[in-house]
Structures are given as C-alpha cells and as structure tokens.
Amino acid sequence: MFDMEYDYDVDVEVQKEEARDEGRAEGLMKGIKNSILTLMRTMKMSAAEAMAALEIPASEQPKYAAMLQ
C-alpha cells in the first residue's frame, strides 16, 4: 500500500515543466520548418536538399516533410 500524500504544489510545478518542455519542442519544430522553407525559397533547394543542408537526421526528415504539406 502507498503511504504518500498528494502535494498540489508539486503537481502544479510538474505540469508547468511538462508544458514548458512541450512548448520548447513545438517552437524548435516550427523554427526548423521555417529554416527549411527559407532555404527552399532563397536557395531554390528542394525540401530534401534543405534538410540535408541543415543536417536533419534521415530518421526525422519524414516528420518535417509532412509539416511542409
């Protein structure tokens, strides 16, 4: 049996940190998407070329390619 007390303040802090982490990840993804689009527009690169120039791992490229649709 668990003999732990629920701590509201700790729970709120954990939720805030999770939200911050999600926001950071979302911001990073938007930044990378914008970088890909900028290279495509200014350097006349394909999406694949832009992702290669940004050194995006091949395993992550489908995720960004889907964002460009």
C-alpha atoms as a PDB file:
ATOM      1  CA  MET A   1       0.000   0.000   0.000  1.00  0.00           C
ATOM      2  CA  PHE A   2       1.204   3.503  -0.778  1.00  0.00           C
ATOM      3  CA  ASP A   3       1.598   5.877   2.116  1.00  0.00           C
ATOM      4  CA  MET A   4       2.152   9.083   0.158  1.00  0.00           C
ATOM      5  CA  GLU A   5       0.374  12.383   0.430  1.00  0.00           C
ATOM      6  CA  TYR A   6      -0.753  14.262  -2.629  1.00  0.00           C
ATOM      7  CA  ASP A   7       1.112  17.551  -2.921  1.00  0.00           C
ATOM      8  CA  TYR A   8      -0.825  20.001  -5.060  1.00  0.00           C
ATOM      9  CA  ASP A   9       2.067  22.452  -5.382  1.00  0.00           C
ATOM     10  CA  VAL A  10       4.447  19.741  -6.606  1.00  0.00           C
ATOM     11  CA  ASP A  11       1.828  18.515  -9.070  1.00  0.00           C
ATOM     12  CA  VAL A  12       1.349  22.033 -10.448  1.00  0.00           C
ATOM     13  CA  GLU A  13       5.106  22.514 -10.844  1.00  0.00           C
ATOM     14  CA  VAL A  14       5.446  19.192 -12.661  1.00  0.00           C
ATOM     15  CA  GLN A  15       2.619  20.141 -15.022  1.00  0.00           C
ATOM     16  CA  LYS A  16       4.186  23.551 -15.670  1.00  0.00           C
ATOM     17  CA  GLU A  17       7.544  21.972 -16.514  1.00  0.00           C
ATOM     18  CA  GLU A  18       5.880  19.492 -18.869  1.00  0.00           C
ATOM     19  CA  ALA A  19       4.057  22.360 -20.602  1.00  0.00           C
ATOM     20  CA  ARG A  20       7.320  24.314 -20.930  1.00  0.00           C
ATOM     21  CA  ASP A  21       9.049  21.269 -22.436  1.00  0.00           C
ATOM     22  CA  GLU A  22       6.204  20.792 -24.926  1.00  0.00           C
ATOM     23  CA  GLY A  23       6.357  24.483 -25.848  1.00  0.00           C
ATOM     24  CA  ARG A  24      10.101  24.325 -26.407  1.00  0.00           C
ATOM     25  CA  ALA A  25       9.768  21.258 -28.618  1.00  0.00           C
ATOM     26  CA  GLU A  26       6.977  22.874 -30.629  1.00  0.00           C
ATOM     27  CA  GLY A  27       8.999  26.058 -31.028  1.00  0.00           C
ATOM     28  CA  LEU A  28      12.031  24.110 -32.183  1.00  0.00           C
ATOM     29  CA  MET A  29       9.975  22.236 -34.775  1.00  0.00           C
ATOM     30  CA  LYS A  30       8.492  25.489 -36.092  1.00  0.00           C
ATOM     31  CA  GLY A  31      11.973  27.005 -36.290  1.00  0.00           C
ATOM     32  CA  ILE A  32      13.321  24.070 -38.258  1.00  0.00           C
ATOM     33  CA  LYS A  33      10.305  24.160 -40.574  1.00  0.00           C
ATOM     34  CA  ASN A  34      10.896  27.869 -41.190  1.00  0.00           C
ATOM     35  CA  SER A  35      14.583  27.232 -41.868  1.00  0.00           C
ATOM     36  CA  ILE A  36      13.713  24.551 -44.423  1.00  0.00           C
ATOM     37  CA  LEU A  37      11.225  26.857 -46.142  1.00  0.00           C
ATOM     38  CA  THR A  38      13.722  29.722 -46.179  1.00  0.00           C
ATOM     39  CA  LEU A  39      16.398  27.580 -47.828  1.00  0.00           C
ATOM     40  CA  MET A  40      13.879  26.292 -50.337  1.00  0.00           C
ATOM     41  CA  ARG A  41      12.826  29.830 -51.243  1.00  0.00           C
ATOM     42  CA  THR A  42      16.136  31.687 -51.158  1.00  0.00           C
ATOM     43  CA  MET A  43      18.483  28.981 -52.400  1.00  0.00           C
ATOM     44  CA  LYS A  44      15.979  27.259 -54.716  1.00  0.00           C
ATOM     45  CA  MET A  45      16.553  23.961 -52.892  1.00  0.00           C
ATOM     46  CA  SER A  46      14.210  21.018 -52.720  1.00  0.00           C
ATOM     47  CA  ALA A  47      12.920  20.041 -49.290  1.00  0.00           C
ATOM     48  CA  ALA A  48      15.344  17.097 -49.236  1.00  0.00           C
ATOM     49  CA  GLU A  49      18.287  19.338 -50.131  1.00  0.00           C
ATOM     50  CA  ALA A  50      17.324  21.873 -47.469  1.00  0.00           C
ATOM     51  CA  MET A  51      17.034  19.182 -44.800  1.00  0.00           C
ATOM     52  CA  ALA A  52      20.415  17.777 -45.832  1.00  0.00           C
ATOM     53  CA  ALA A  53      21.954  21.260 -45.630  1.00  0.00           C
ATOM     54  CA  LEU A  54      20.519  21.645 -42.125  1.00  0.00           C
ATOM     55  CA  GLU A  55      21.881  18.186 -41.231  1.00  0.00           C
ATOM     56  CA  ILE A  56      18.475  16.908 -40.159  1.00  0.00           C
ATOM     57  CA  PRO A  57      18.816  13.185 -39.474  1.00  0.00           C
ATOM     58  CA  ALA A  58      17.206  10.967 -42.112  1.00  0.00           C
ATOM     59  CA  SER A  59      15.013   9.414 -39.413  1.00  0.00           C
ATOM     60  CA  GLU A  60      13.433  12.827 -38.682  1.00  0.00           C
ATOM     61  CA  GLN A  61      13.044  14.029 -42.264  1.00  0.00           C
ATOM     62  CA  PRO A  62       9.631  12.410 -42.896  1.00  0.00           C
ATOM     63  CA  LYS A  63       8.222  14.320 -39.918  1.00  0.00           C
ATOM     64  CA  TYR A  64       9.384  17.646 -41.355  1.00  0.00           C
ATOM     65  CA  ALA A  65       8.373  16.707 -44.885  1.00  0.00           C
ATOM     66  CA  ALA A  66       4.830  16.091 -43.582  1.00  0.00           C
ATOM     67  CA  MET A  67       4.854  19.535 -41.938  1.00  0.00           C
ATOM     68  CA  LEU A  68       5.614  21.124 -45.312  1.00  0.00           C
ATOM     69  CA  GLN A  69       2.440  19.697 -46.899  1.00  0.00           C
END
